[in-house]
Amino acid sequence: FMRQYRLDETPQFYNVLIGDMSLVGPRPERQYYIDQITER
């Protein structure tokens, strides 16, 4: 239910407030997947 309306993401406004994130920008990934993406 939360994912259907993306309600699970709403606490990330706190990440935005403290400066880790912005409202708009590329979605952050884990290093595990970044390593795989960067290879290609």
Full PDB file with SEQRES, HELIX, SHEET, SSBOND, CRYST1, ORIGX, SCALE, CONECT and MASTER records, all heavy atoms in Angstrom:
SEQRES   1 A   40  PHE MET ARG GLN TYR ARG LEU ASP GLU THR PRO GLN PHE          
SEQRES   2 A   40  TYR ASN VAL LEU ILE GLY ASP MET SER LEU VAL GLY PRO          
SEQRES   3 A   40  ARG PRO GLU ARG GLN TYR TYR ILE ASP GLN ILE THR GLU          
SEQRES   4 A   40  ARG                                                          
HELIX    1 AA1 ARG A    3  TYR A    5  5                                   3    
HELIX    2 AA2 LEU A    7  GLU A    9  5                                   3    
HELIX    3 AA3 GLN A   12  LEU A   17  1                                   6    
HELIX    4 AA4 GLN A   31  GLU A   39  1                                   9    
CRYST1    1.000    1.000    1.000  90.00  90.00  90.00 P 1           1          
ORIGX1      1.000000  0.000000  0.000000        0.00000                         
ORIGX2      0.000000  1.000000  0.000000        0.00000                         
ORIGX3      0.000000  0.000000  1.000000        0.00000                         
SCALE1      1.000000  0.000000  0.000000        0.00000                         
SCALE2      0.000000  1.000000  0.000000        0.00000                         
SCALE3      0.000000  0.000000  1.000000        0.00000                         
ATOM      1  N   PHE A   1       0.837  -1.204   0.000  1.00  0.00           N  
ATOM      2  CA  PHE A   1       0.000   0.000   0.000  1.00  0.00           C  
ATOM      3  C   PHE A   1       0.873   1.256   0.000  1.00  0.00           C  
ATOM      4  O   PHE A   1       0.631   2.198  -0.774  1.00  0.00           O  
ATOM      5  CB  PHE A   1      -0.918  -0.009   1.225  1.00  0.00           C  
ATOM      6  CG  PHE A   1      -1.492   1.339   1.562  1.00  0.00           C  
ATOM      7  CD1 PHE A   1      -2.509   1.892   0.788  1.00  0.00           C  
ATOM      8  CD2 PHE A   1      -0.996   2.081   2.646  1.00  0.00           C  
ATOM      9  CE1 PHE A   1      -3.036   3.149   1.093  1.00  0.00           C  
ATOM     10  CE2 PHE A   1      -1.518   3.328   2.945  1.00  0.00           C  
ATOM     11  CZ  PHE A   1      -2.529   3.864   2.169  1.00  0.00           C  
ATOM     12  N   MET A   2       1.892   1.284   0.845  1.00  0.00           N  
ATOM     13  CA  MET A   2       2.759   2.463   0.907  1.00  0.00           C  
ATOM     14  C   MET A   2       3.499   2.663  -0.408  1.00  0.00           C  
ATOM     15  O   MET A   2       3.632   3.788  -0.904  1.00  0.00           O  
ATOM     16  CB  MET A   2       3.762   2.320   2.061  1.00  0.00           C  
ATOM     17  CG  MET A   2       3.169   2.451   3.449  1.00  0.00           C  
ATOM     18  SD  MET A   2       4.429   2.658   4.728  1.00  0.00           S  
ATOM     19  CE  MET A   2       5.328   1.096   4.587  1.00  0.00           C  
ATOM     20  N   ARG A   3       4.001   1.582  -0.982  1.00  0.00           N  
ATOM     21  CA  ARG A   3       4.764   1.707  -2.234  1.00  0.00           C  
ATOM     22  C   ARG A   3       3.891   2.174  -3.391  1.00  0.00           C  
ATOM     23  O   ARG A   3       4.363   2.829  -4.306  1.00  0.00           O  
ATOM     24  CB  ARG A   3       5.414   0.363  -2.570  1.00  0.00           C  
ATOM     25  CG  ARG A   3       6.587   0.021  -1.652  1.00  0.00           C  
ATOM     26  CD  ARG A   3       7.313  -1.210  -2.128  1.00  0.00           C  
ATOM     27  NE  ARG A   3       8.544  -1.412  -1.381  1.00  0.00           N  
ATOM     28  CZ  ARG A   3       9.643  -1.953  -1.890  1.00  0.00           C  
ATOM     29  NH1 ARG A   3       9.644  -2.359  -3.153  1.00  0.00           N  
ATOM     30  NH2 ARG A   3      10.721  -2.112  -1.156  1.00  0.00           N  
ATOM     31  N   GLN A   4       2.611   1.796  -3.347  1.00  0.00           N  
ATOM     32  CA  GLN A   4       1.703   2.202  -4.414  1.00  0.00           C  
ATOM     33  C   GLN A   4       1.633   3.717  -4.531  1.00  0.00           C  
ATOM     34  O   GLN A   4       1.551   4.266  -5.635  1.00  0.00           O  
ATOM     35  CB  GLN A   4       0.309   1.621  -4.148  1.00  0.00           C  
ATOM     36  CG  GLN A   4      -0.671   1.817  -5.287  1.00  0.00           C  
ATOM     37  CD  GLN A   4      -2.002   1.147  -5.004  1.00  0.00           C  
ATOM     38  OE1 GLN A   4      -2.389   0.948  -3.844  1.00  0.00           O  
ATOM     39  NE2 GLN A   4      -2.719   0.789  -6.059  1.00  0.00           N  
ATOM     40  N   TYR A   5       1.689   4.401  -3.374  1.00  0.00           N  
ATOM     41  CA  TYR A   5       1.640   5.859  -3.356  1.00  0.00           C  
ATOM     42  C   TYR A   5       2.985   6.472  -2.963  1.00  0.00           C  
ATOM     43  O   TYR A   5       3.064   7.671  -2.696  1.00  0.00           O  
ATOM     44  CB  TYR A   5       0.558   6.340  -2.380  1.00  0.00           C  
ATOM     45  CG  TYR A   5      -0.840   5.967  -2.812  1.00  0.00           C  
ATOM     46  CD1 TYR A   5      -1.467   4.837  -2.299  1.00  0.00           C  
ATOM     47  CD2 TYR A   5      -1.516   6.744  -3.753  1.00  0.00           C  
ATOM     48  CE1 TYR A   5      -2.752   4.497  -2.701  1.00  0.00           C  
ATOM     49  CE2 TYR A   5      -2.808   6.405  -4.152  1.00  0.00           C  
ATOM     50  CZ  TYR A   5      -3.418   5.278  -3.622  1.00  0.00           C  
ATOM     51  OH  TYR A   5      -4.691   4.937  -4.026  1.00  0.00           O  
ATOM     52  N   ARG A   6       4.023   5.638  -2.922  1.00  0.00           N  
ATOM     53  CA  ARG A   6       5.389   6.070  -2.575  1.00  0.00           C  
ATOM     54  C   ARG A   6       5.449   6.739  -1.197  1.00  0.00           C  
ATOM     55  O   ARG A   6       6.276   7.624  -0.952  1.00  0.00           O  
ATOM     56  CB  ARG A   6       5.952   7.008  -3.645  1.00  0.00           C  
ATOM     57  CG  ARG A   6       6.041   6.346  -5.010  1.00  0.00           C  
ATOM     58  CD  ARG A   6       6.731   7.213  -6.030  1.00  0.00           C  
ATOM     59  NE  ARG A   6       6.725   6.564  -7.339  1.00  0.00           N  
ATOM     60  CZ  ARG A   6       7.252   7.085  -8.439  1.00  0.00           C  
ATOM     61  NH1 ARG A   6       7.832   8.266  -8.382  1.00  0.00           N  
ATOM     62  NH2 ARG A   6       7.203   6.437  -9.593  1.00  0.00           N  
ATOM     63  N   LEU A   7       4.558   6.315  -0.311  1.00  0.00           N  
ATOM     64  CA  LEU A   7       4.546   6.891   1.034  1.00  0.00           C  
ATOM     65  C   LEU A   7       5.745   6.439   1.846  1.00  0.00           C  
ATOM     66  O   LEU A   7       6.142   7.137   2.798  1.00  0.00           O  
ATOM     67  CB  LEU A   7       3.250   6.495   1.758  1.00  0.00           C  
ATOM     68  CG  LEU A   7       1.949   6.976   1.106  1.00  0.00           C  
ATOM     69  CD1 LEU A   7       0.746   6.427   1.869  1.00  0.00           C  
ATOM     70  CD2 LEU A   7       1.903   8.497   1.064  1.00  0.00           C  
ATOM     71  N   ASP A   8       6.324   5.294   1.503  1.00  0.00           N  
ATOM     72  CA  ASP A   8       7.492   4.818   2.234  1.00  0.00           C  
ATOM     73  C   ASP A   8       8.697   5.732   2.037  1.00  0.00           C  
ATOM     74  O   ASP A   8       9.632   5.737   2.848  1.00  0.00           O  
ATOM     75  CB  ASP A   8       7.850   3.390   1.807  1.00  0.00           C  
ATOM     76  CG  ASP A   8       8.118   3.287   0.306  1.00  0.00           C  
ATOM     77  OD1 ASP A   8       7.380   3.905  -0.475  1.00  0.00           O  
ATOM     78  OD2 ASP A   8       9.075   2.577  -0.065  1.00  0.00           O  
ATOM     79  N   GLU A   9       8.678   6.546   0.963  1.00  0.00           N  
ATOM     80  CA  GLU A   9       9.807   7.428   0.665  1.00  0.00           C  
ATOM     81  C   GLU A   9       9.718   8.772   1.404  1.00  0.00           C  
ATOM     82  O   GLU A   9      10.697   9.516   1.445  1.00  0.00           O  
ATOM     83  CB  GLU A   9       9.867   7.720  -0.845  1.00  0.00           C  
ATOM     84  CG  GLU A   9       9.884   6.494  -1.744  1.00  0.00           C  
ATOM     85  CD  GLU A   9      11.263   5.861  -1.846  1.00  0.00           C  
ATOM     86  OE1 GLU A   9      12.203   6.404  -1.229  1.00  0.00           O  
ATOM     87  OE2 GLU A   9      11.390   4.837  -2.524  1.00  0.00           O  
ATOM     88  N   THR A  10       8.566   9.083   1.994  1.00  0.00           N  
ATOM     89  CA  THR A  10       8.367  10.429   2.548  1.00  0.00           C  
ATOM     90  C   THR A  10       9.309  10.796   3.699  1.00  0.00           C  
ATOM     91  O   THR A  10       9.588  11.991   3.866  1.00  0.00           O  
ATOM     92  CB  THR A  10       6.903  10.620   2.997  1.00  0.00           C  
ATOM     93  OG1 THR A  10       6.537   9.566   3.907  1.00  0.00           O  
ATOM     94  CG2 THR A  10       5.963  10.596   1.802  1.00  0.00           C  
ATOM     95  N   PRO A  11       9.815   9.854   4.506  1.00  0.00           N  
ATOM     96  CA  PRO A  11      10.789  10.271   5.530  1.00  0.00           C  
ATOM     97  C   PRO A  11      12.066  10.865   4.948  1.00  0.00           C  
ATOM     98  O   PRO A  11      12.854  11.474   5.673  1.00  0.00           O  
ATOM     99  CB  PRO A  11      11.071   8.969   6.290  1.00  0.00           C  
ATOM    100  CG  PRO A  11       9.869   8.126   6.085  1.00  0.00           C  
ATOM    101  CD  PRO A  11       9.423   8.442   4.700  1.00  0.00           C  
ATOM    102  N   GLN A  12      12.271  10.704   3.640  1.00  0.00           N  
ATOM    103  CA  GLN A  12      13.484  11.253   3.026  1.00  0.00           C  
ATOM    104  C   GLN A  12      13.474  12.774   2.974  1.00  0.00           C  
ATOM    105  O   GLN A  12      14.496  13.389   2.647  1.00  0.00           O  
ATOM    106  CB  GLN A  12      13.664  10.661   1.631  1.00  0.00           C  
ATOM    107  CG  GLN A  12      14.047   9.201   1.652  1.00  0.00           C  
ATOM    108  CD  GLN A  12      13.848   8.512   0.317  1.00  0.00           C  
ATOM    109  OE1 GLN A  12      14.059   9.096  -0.736  1.00  0.00           O  
ATOM    110  NE2 GLN A  12      13.409   7.254   0.366  1.00  0.00           N  
ATOM    111  N   PHE A  13      12.347  13.387   3.310  1.00  0.00           N  
ATOM    112  CA  PHE A  13      12.365  14.844   3.468  1.00  0.00           C  
ATOM    113  C   PHE A  13      13.357  15.238   4.568  1.00  0.00           C  
ATOM    114  O   PHE A  13      13.925  16.335   4.528  1.00  0.00           O  
ATOM    115  CB  PHE A  13      10.967  15.367   3.807  1.00  0.00           C  
ATOM    116  CG  PHE A  13      10.030  15.366   2.624  1.00  0.00           C  
ATOM    117  CD1 PHE A  13       8.866  14.615   2.633  1.00  0.00           C  
ATOM    118  CD2 PHE A  13      10.318  16.131   1.501  1.00  0.00           C  
ATOM    119  CE1 PHE A  13       8.002  14.619   1.543  1.00  0.00           C  
ATOM    120  CE2 PHE A  13       9.457  16.148   0.403  1.00  0.00           C  
ATOM    121  CZ  PHE A  13       8.303  15.381   0.426  1.00  0.00           C  
ATOM    122  N   TYR A  14      13.562  14.340   5.535  1.00  0.00           N  
ATOM    123  CA  TYR A  14      14.567  14.596   6.567  1.00  0.00           C  
ATOM    124  C   TYR A  14      15.970  14.552   5.963  1.00  0.00           C  
ATOM    125  O   TYR A  14      16.827  15.389   6.295  1.00  0.00           O  
ATOM    126  CB  TYR A  14      14.448  13.570   7.699  1.00  0.00           C  
ATOM    127  CG  TYR A  14      15.544  13.707   8.745  1.00  0.00           C  
ATOM    128  CD1 TYR A  14      15.521  14.753   9.669  1.00  0.00           C  
ATOM    129  CD2 TYR A  14      16.603  12.806   8.783  1.00  0.00           C  
ATOM    130  CE1 TYR A  14      16.527  14.891  10.617  1.00  0.00           C  
ATOM    131  CE2 TYR A  14      17.614  12.935   9.722  1.00  0.00           C  
ATOM    132  CZ  TYR A  14      17.571  13.980  10.635  1.00  0.00           C  
ATOM    133  OH  TYR A  14      18.578  14.114  11.557  1.00  0.00           O  
ATOM    134  N   ASN A  15      16.217  13.597   5.062  1.00  0.00           N  
ATOM    135  CA  ASN A  15      17.504  13.554   4.354  1.00  0.00           C  
ATOM    136  C   ASN A  15      17.742  14.834   3.562  1.00  0.00           C  
ATOM    137  O   ASN A  15      18.877  15.323   3.467  1.00  0.00           O  
ATOM    138  CB  ASN A  15      17.557  12.368   3.397  1.00  0.00           C  
ATOM    139  CG  ASN A  15      17.676  11.032   4.112  1.00  0.00           C  
ATOM    140  OD1 ASN A  15      16.787  10.203   4.054  1.00  0.00           O  
ATOM    141  ND2 ASN A  15      18.789  10.820   4.803  1.00  0.00           N  
ATOM    142  N   VAL A  16      16.672  15.370   2.981  1.00  0.00           N  
ATOM    143  CA  VAL A  16      16.780  16.625   2.229  1.00  0.00           C  
ATOM    144  C   VAL A  16      17.090  17.776   3.176  1.00  0.00           C  
ATOM    145  O   VAL A  16      17.957  18.615   2.902  1.00  0.00           O  
ATOM    146  CB  VAL A  16      15.478  16.902   1.446  1.00  0.00           C  
ATOM    147  CG1 VAL A  16      15.528  18.284   0.790  1.00  0.00           C  
ATOM    148  CG2 VAL A  16      15.237  15.824   0.404  1.00  0.00           C  
ATOM    149  N   LEU A  17      16.397  17.819   4.304  1.00  0.00           N  
ATOM    150  CA  LEU A  17      16.561  18.920   5.251  1.00  0.00           C  
ATOM    151  C   LEU A  17      17.994  19.005   5.775  1.00  0.00           C  
ATOM    152  O   LEU A  17      18.559  20.090   5.895  1.00  0.00           O  
ATOM    153  CB  LEU A  17      15.582  18.751   6.417  1.00  0.00           C  
ATOM    154  CG  LEU A  17      15.549  19.886   7.448  1.00  0.00           C  
ATOM    155  CD1 LEU A  17      15.072  21.176   6.804  1.00  0.00           C  
ATOM    156  CD2 LEU A  17      14.649  19.514   8.623  1.00  0.00           C  
ATOM    157  N   ILE A  18      18.624  17.864   6.059  1.00  0.00           N  
ATOM    158  CA  ILE A  18      19.977  17.881   6.620  1.00  0.00           C  
ATOM    159  C   ILE A  18      21.056  17.940   5.535  1.00  0.00           C  
ATOM    160  O   ILE A  18      22.245  17.978   5.847  1.00  0.00           O  
ATOM    161  CB  ILE A  18      20.217  16.660   7.531  1.00  0.00           C  
ATOM    162  CG1 ILE A  18      20.145  15.351   6.736  1.00  0.00           C  
ATOM    163  CG2 ILE A  18      19.244  16.661   8.698  1.00  0.00           C  
ATOM    164  CD1 ILE A  18      20.482  14.119   7.574  1.00  0.00           C  
ATOM    165  N   GLY A  19      20.648  17.935   4.268  1.00  0.00           N  
ATOM    166  CA  GLY A  19      21.607  18.161   3.195  1.00  0.00           C  
ATOM    167  C   GLY A  19      22.170  16.936   2.526  1.00  0.00           C  
ATOM    168  O   GLY A  19      23.024  17.057   1.630  1.00  0.00           O  
ATOM    169  N   ASP A  20      21.734  15.728   2.909  1.00  0.00           N  
ATOM    170  CA  ASP A  20      22.211  14.516   2.240  1.00  0.00           C  
ATOM    171  C   ASP A  20      21.622  14.366   0.843  1.00  0.00           C  
ATOM    172  O   ASP A  20      22.251  13.782  -0.041  1.00  0.00           O  
ATOM    173  CB  ASP A  20      21.850  13.263   3.055  1.00  0.00           C  
ATOM    174  CG  ASP A  20      22.651  13.149   4.329  1.00  0.00           C  
ATOM    175  OD1 ASP A  20      23.772  13.687   4.360  1.00  0.00           O  
ATOM    176  OD2 ASP A  20      22.160  12.530   5.292  1.00  0.00           O  
ATOM    177  N   MET A  21      20.405  14.884   0.661  1.00  0.00           N  
ATOM    178  CA  MET A  21      19.696  14.731  -0.600  1.00  0.00           C  
ATOM    179  C   MET A  21      19.074  16.055  -1.019  1.00  0.00           C  
ATOM    180  O   MET A  21      19.098  17.031  -0.271  1.00  0.00           O  
ATOM    181  CB  MET A  21      18.600  13.651  -0.467  1.00  0.00           C  
ATOM    182  CG  MET A  21      19.109  12.258  -0.173  1.00  0.00           C  
ATOM    183  SD  MET A  21      17.760  11.059   0.106  1.00  0.00           S  
ATOM    184  CE  MET A  21      16.975  11.047  -1.507  1.00  0.00           C  
ATOM    185  N   SER A  22      18.522  16.061  -2.219  1.00  0.00           N  
ATOM    186  CA  SER A  22      17.743  17.185  -2.722  1.00  0.00           C  
ATOM    187  C   SER A  22      16.356  16.664  -3.082  1.00  0.00           C  
ATOM    188  O   SER A  22      16.141  15.453  -3.128  1.00  0.00           O  
ATOM    189  CB  SER A  22      18.428  17.786  -3.951  1.00  0.00           C  
ATOM    190  OG  SER A  22      17.672  18.868  -4.465  1.00  0.00           O  
ATOM    191  N   LEU A  23      15.412  17.550  -3.292  1.00  0.00           N  
ATOM    192  CA  LEU A  23      14.099  17.103  -3.725  1.00  0.00           C  
ATOM    193  C   LEU A  23      14.177  16.422  -5.083  1.00  0.00           C  
ATOM    194  O   LEU A  23      13.566  15.372  -5.308  1.00  0.00           O  
ATOM    195  CB  LEU A  23      13.129  18.289  -3.796  1.00  0.00           C  
ATOM    196  CG  LEU A  23      12.740  18.939  -2.475  1.00  0.00           C  
ATOM    197  CD1 LEU A  23      11.926  20.192  -2.733  1.00  0.00           C  
ATOM    198  CD2 LEU A  23      11.950  17.964  -1.608  1.00  0.00           C  
ATOM    199  N   VAL A  24      14.957  17.011  -5.994  1.00  0.00           N  
ATOM    200  CA  VAL A  24      15.103  16.466  -7.338  1.00  0.00           C  
ATOM    201  C   VAL A  24      16.565  16.169  -7.610  1.00  0.00           C  
ATOM    202  O   VAL A  24      17.438  17.004  -7.387  1.00  0.00           O  
ATOM    203  CB  VAL A  24      14.572  17.453  -8.399  1.00  0.00           C  
ATOM    204  CG1 VAL A  24      14.740  16.870  -9.800  1.00  0.00           C  
ATOM    205  CG2 VAL A  24      13.113  17.791  -8.146  1.00  0.00           C  
ATOM    206  N   GLY A  25      16.822  14.975  -8.076  1.00  0.00           N  
ATOM    207  CA  GLY A  25      18.172  14.536  -8.392  1.00  0.00           C  
ATOM    208  C   GLY A  25      18.161  13.043  -8.658  1.00  0.00           C  
ATOM    209  O   GLY A  25      17.167  12.361  -8.343  1.00  0.00           O  
ATOM    210  N   PRO A  26      19.213  12.508  -9.235  1.00  0.00           N  
ATOM    211  CA  PRO A  26      19.247  11.066  -9.507  1.00  0.00           C  
ATOM    212  C   PRO A  26      19.055  10.256  -8.232  1.00  0.00           C  
ATOM    213  O   PRO A  26      19.565  10.625  -7.175  1.00  0.00           O  
ATOM    214  CB  PRO A  26      20.650  10.849 -10.092  1.00  0.00           C  
ATOM    215  CG  PRO A  26      21.079  12.199 -10.562  1.00  0.00           C  
ATOM    216  CD  PRO A  26      20.438  13.190  -9.651  1.00  0.00           C  
ATOM    217  N   ARG A  27      18.314   9.163  -8.324  1.00  0.00           N  
ATOM    218  CA  ARG A  27      18.105   8.324  -7.150  1.00  0.00           C  
ATOM    219  C   ARG A  27      19.436   7.728  -6.698  1.00  0.00           C  
ATOM    220  O   ARG A  27      20.225   7.233  -7.502  1.00  0.00           O  
ATOM    221  CB  ARG A  27      17.121   7.197  -7.472  1.00  0.00           C  
ATOM    222  CG  ARG A  27      15.695   7.673  -7.609  1.00  0.00           C  
ATOM    223  CD  ARG A  27      15.148   8.224  -6.306  1.00  0.00           C  
ATOM    224  NE  ARG A  27      15.030   7.197  -5.271  1.00  0.00           N  
ATOM    225  CZ  ARG A  27      14.810   7.458  -3.988  1.00  0.00           C  
ATOM    226  NH1 ARG A  27      14.738   8.700  -3.573  1.00  0.00           N  
ATOM    227  NH2 ARG A  27      14.691   6.479  -3.132  1.00  0.00           N  
ATOM    228  N   PRO A  28      19.718   7.763  -5.389  1.00  0.00           N  
ATOM    229  CA  PRO A  28      20.993   7.226  -4.889  1.00  0.00           C  
ATOM    230  C   PRO A  28      20.988   5.694  -4.909  1.00  0.00           C  
ATOM    231  O   PRO A  28      19.958   5.061  -4.669  1.00  0.00           O  
ATOM    232  CB  PRO A  28      21.051   7.757  -3.457  1.00  0.00           C  
ATOM    233  CG  PRO A  28      19.617   7.908  -3.054  1.00  0.00           C  
ATOM    234  CD  PRO A  28      18.882   8.301  -4.306  1.00  0.00           C  
ATOM    235  N   GLU A  29      22.132   5.115  -5.219  1.00  0.00           N  
ATOM    236  CA  GLU A  29      22.272   3.665  -5.262  1.00  0.00           C  
ATOM    237  C   GLU A  29      23.281   3.194  -4.228  1.00  0.00           C  
ATOM    238  O   GLU A  29      24.053   3.979  -3.677  1.00  0.00           O  
ATOM    239  CB  GLU A  29      22.717   3.206  -6.663  1.00  0.00           C  
ATOM    240  CG  GLU A  29      21.795   3.613  -7.797  1.00  0.00           C  
ATOM    241  CD  GLU A  29      20.438   2.927  -7.736  1.00  0.00           C  
ATOM    242  OE1 GLU A  29      20.276   2.012  -6.909  1.00  0.00           O  
ATOM    243  OE2 GLU A  29      19.545   3.308  -8.522  1.00  0.00           O  
ATOM    244  N   ARG A  30      23.296   1.893  -4.000  1.00  0.00           N  
ATOM    245  CA  ARG A  30      24.295   1.299  -3.119  1.00  0.00           C  
ATOM    246  C   ARG A  30      25.593   1.055  -3.891  1.00  0.00           C  
ATOM    247  O   ARG A  30      25.577   0.865  -5.100  1.00  0.00           O  
ATOM    248  CB  ARG A  30      23.757  -0.008  -2.547  1.00  0.00           C  
ATOM    249  CG  ARG A  30      22.694   0.198  -1.484  1.00  0.00           C  
ATOM    250  CD  ARG A  30      22.151  -1.112  -0.965  1.00  0.00           C  
ATOM    251  NE  ARG A  30      21.082  -1.639  -1.820  1.00  0.00           N  
ATOM    252  CZ  ARG A  30      20.412  -2.754  -1.559  1.00  0.00           C  
ATOM    253  NH1 ARG A  30      20.716  -3.464  -0.479  1.00  0.00           N  
ATOM    254  NH2 ARG A  30      19.461  -3.163  -2.362  1.00  0.00           N  
ATOM    255  N   GLN A  31      26.693   1.056  -3.171  1.00  0.00           N  
ATOM    256  CA  GLN A  31      28.000   0.865  -3.810  1.00  0.00           C  
ATOM    257  C   GLN A  31      28.069  -0.455  -4.554  1.00  0.00           C  
ATOM    258  O   GLN A  31      28.696  -0.554  -5.610  1.00  0.00           O  
ATOM    259  CB  GLN A  31      29.109   0.925  -2.743  1.00  0.00           C  
ATOM    260  CG  GLN A  31      30.519   0.957  -3.316  1.00  0.00           C  
ATOM    261  CD  GLN A  31      30.782   2.223  -4.105  1.00  0.00           C  
ATOM    262  OE1 GLN A  31      30.643   3.331  -3.593  1.00  0.00           O  
ATOM    263  NE2 GLN A  31      31.169   2.070  -5.367  1.00  0.00           N  
ATOM    264  N   TYR A  32      27.393  -1.457  -4.043  1.00  0.00           N  
ATOM    265  CA  TYR A  32      27.373  -2.788  -4.665  1.00  0.00           C  
ATOM    266  C   TYR A  32      26.872  -2.695  -6.105  1.00  0.00           C  
ATOM    267  O   TYR A  32      27.435  -3.327  -7.019  1.00  0.00           O  
ATOM    268  CB  TYR A  32      26.469  -3.711  -3.832  1.00  0.00           C  
ATOM    269  CG  TYR A  32      26.252  -5.088  -4.418  1.00  0.00           C  
ATOM    270  CD1 TYR A  32      27.202  -6.096  -4.245  1.00  0.00           C  
ATOM    271  CD2 TYR A  32      25.093  -5.387  -5.136  1.00  0.00           C  
ATOM    272  CE1 TYR A  32      27.002  -7.363  -4.774  1.00  0.00           C  
ATOM    273  CE2 TYR A  32      24.888  -6.649  -5.671  1.00  0.00           C  
ATOM    274  CZ  TYR A  32      25.847  -7.625  -5.483  1.00  0.00           C  
ATOM    275  OH  TYR A  32      25.652  -8.890  -6.026  1.00  0.00           O  
ATOM    276  N   TYR A  33      25.826  -1.910  -6.328  1.00  0.00           N  
ATOM    277  CA  TYR A  33      25.257  -1.777  -7.674  1.00  0.00           C  
ATOM    278  C   TYR A  33      26.017  -0.739  -8.506  1.00  0.00           C  
ATOM    279  O   TYR A  33      26.111  -0.878  -9.733  1.00  0.00           O  
ATOM    280  CB  TYR A  33      23.773  -1.430  -7.594  1.00  0.00           C  
ATOM    281  CG  TYR A  33      22.950  -2.548  -7.011  1.00  0.00           C  
ATOM    282  CD1 TYR A  33      22.405  -2.451  -5.739  1.00  0.00           C  
ATOM    283  CD2 TYR A  33      22.756  -3.732  -7.719  1.00  0.00           C  
ATOM    284  CE1 TYR A  33      21.668  -3.485  -5.189  1.00  0.00           C  
ATOM    285  CE2 TYR A  33      22.021  -4.769  -7.178  1.00  0.00           C  
ATOM    286  CZ  TYR A  33      21.481  -4.649  -5.919  1.00  0.00           C  
ATOM    287  OH  TYR A  33      20.764  -5.689  -5.377  1.00  0.00           O  
ATOM    288  N   ILE A  34      26.541   0.295  -7.855  1.00  0.00           N  
ATOM    289  CA  ILE A  34      27.332   1.292  -8.583  1.00  0.00           C  
ATOM    290  C   ILE A  34      28.537   0.637  -9.237  1.00  0.00           C  
ATOM    291  O   ILE A  34      28.892   0.948 -10.384  1.00  0.00           O  
ATOM    292  CB  ILE A  34      27.761   2.427  -7.632  1.00  0.00           C  
ATOM    293  CG1 ILE A  34      26.544   3.274  -7.244  1.00  0.00           C  
ATOM    294  CG2 ILE A  34      28.827   3.312  -8.289  1.00  0.00           C  
ATOM    295  CD1 ILE A  34      26.844   4.363  -6.245  1.00  0.00           C  
ATOM    296  N   ASP A  35      29.187  -0.285  -8.518  1.00  0.00           N  
ATOM    297  CA  ASP A  35      30.357  -0.979  -9.084  1.00  0.00           C  
ATOM    298  C   ASP A  35      29.973  -1.753 -10.348  1.00  0.00           C  
ATOM    299  O   ASP A  35      30.712  -1.758 -11.346  1.00  0.00           O  
ATOM    300  CB  ASP A  35      30.954  -1.928  -8.052  1.00  0.00           C  
ATOM    301  CG  ASP A  35      31.586  -1.194  -6.869  1.00  0.00           C  
ATOM    302  OD1 ASP A  35      31.898   0.003  -7.042  1.00  0.00           O  
ATOM    303  OD2 ASP A  35      31.751  -1.805  -5.803  1.00  0.00           O  
ATOM    304  N   GLN A  36      28.802  -2.390 -10.322  1.00  0.00           N  
ATOM    305  CA  GLN A  36      28.358  -3.148 -11.494  1.00  0.00           C  
ATOM    306  C   GLN A  36      27.989  -2.227 -12.663  1.00  0.00           C  
ATOM    307  O   GLN A  36      28.302  -2.515 -13.828  1.00  0.00           O  
ATOM    308  CB  GLN A  36      27.146  -4.016 -11.123  1.00  0.00           C  
ATOM    309  CG  GLN A  36      27.448  -5.096 -10.092  1.00  0.00           C  
ATOM    310  CD  GLN A  36      26.218  -5.928  -9.780  1.00  0.00           C  
ATOM    311  OE1 GLN A  36      25.574  -6.484 -10.669  1.00  0.00           O  
ATOM    312  NE2 GLN A  36      25.849  -5.990  -8.501  1.00  0.00           N  
ATOM    313  N   ILE A  37      27.334  -1.118 -12.340  1.00  0.00           N  
ATOM    314  CA  ILE A  37      26.939  -0.174 -13.391  1.00  0.00           C  
ATOM    315  C   ILE A  37      28.168   0.458 -14.035  1.00  0.00           C  
ATOM    316  O   ILE A  37      28.271   0.564 -15.266  1.00  0.00           O  
ATOM    317  CB  ILE A  37      26.018   0.919 -12.816  1.00  0.00           C  
ATOM    318  CG1 ILE A  37      24.709   0.303 -12.313  1.00  0.00           C  
ATOM    319  CG2 ILE A  37      25.708   1.976 -13.873  1.00  0.00           C  
ATOM    320  CD1 ILE A  37      23.855   1.273 -11.506  1.00  0.00           C  
ATOM    321  N   THR A  38      29.141   0.863 -13.212  1.00  0.00           N  
ATOM    322  CA  THR A  38      30.321   1.558 -13.716  1.00  0.00           C  
ATOM    323  C   THR A  38      31.158   0.672 -14.631  1.00  0.00           C  
ATOM    324  O   THR A  38      31.802   1.173 -15.560  1.00  0.00           O  
ATOM    325  CB  THR A  38      31.173   2.077 -12.539  1.00  0.00           C  
ATOM    326  OG1 THR A  38      30.352   2.859 -11.662  1.00  0.00           O  
ATOM    327  CG2 THR A  38      32.313   2.948 -13.039  1.00  0.00           C  
ATOM    328  N   GLU A  39      31.142  -0.625 -14.397  1.00  0.00           N  
ATOM    329  CA  GLU A  39      31.869  -1.540 -15.283  1.00  0.00           C  
ATOM    330  C   GLU A  39      31.330  -1.480 -16.706  1.00  0.00           C  
ATOM    331  O   GLU A  39      32.070  -1.619 -17.682  1.00  0.00           O  
ATOM    332  CB  GLU A  39      31.771  -2.976 -14.754  1.00  0.00           C  
ATOM    333  CG  GLU A  39      32.645  -3.244 -13.540  1.00  0.00           C  
ATOM    334  CD  GLU A  39      32.528  -4.691 -13.083  1.00  0.00           C  
ATOM    335  OE1 GLU A  39      31.847  -5.489 -13.779  1.00  0.00           O  
ATOM    336  OE2 GLU A  39      33.110  -5.035 -12.038  1.00  0.00           O  
ATOM    337  N   ARG A  40      30.044  -1.256 -16.831  1.00  0.00           N  
ATOM    338  CA  ARG A  40      29.395  -1.233 -18.148  1.00  0.00           C  
ATOM    339  C   ARG A  40      29.207   0.187 -18.690  1.00  0.00           C  
ATOM    340  O   ARG A  40      29.190   0.395 -19.901  1.00  0.00           O  
ATOM    341  CB  ARG A  40      28.048  -1.944 -18.057  1.00  0.00           C  
ATOM    342  CG  ARG A  40      28.196  -3.424 -17.690  1.00  0.00           C  
ATOM    343  CD  ARG A  40      26.869  -4.066 -17.313  1.00  0.00           C  
ATOM    344  NE  ARG A  40      25.847  -3.919 -18.343  1.00  0.00           N  
ATOM    345  CZ  ARG A  40      24.605  -4.374 -18.216  1.00  0.00           C  
ATOM    346  NH1 ARG A  40      24.239  -4.985 -17.088  1.00  0.00           N  
ATOM    347  NH2 ARG A  40      23.739  -4.214 -19.191  1.00  0.00           N  
TER     348      ARG A  40                                                      
MASTER        0    0    0    4    0    0    0    6  347    1    0    4          
END                                                                             
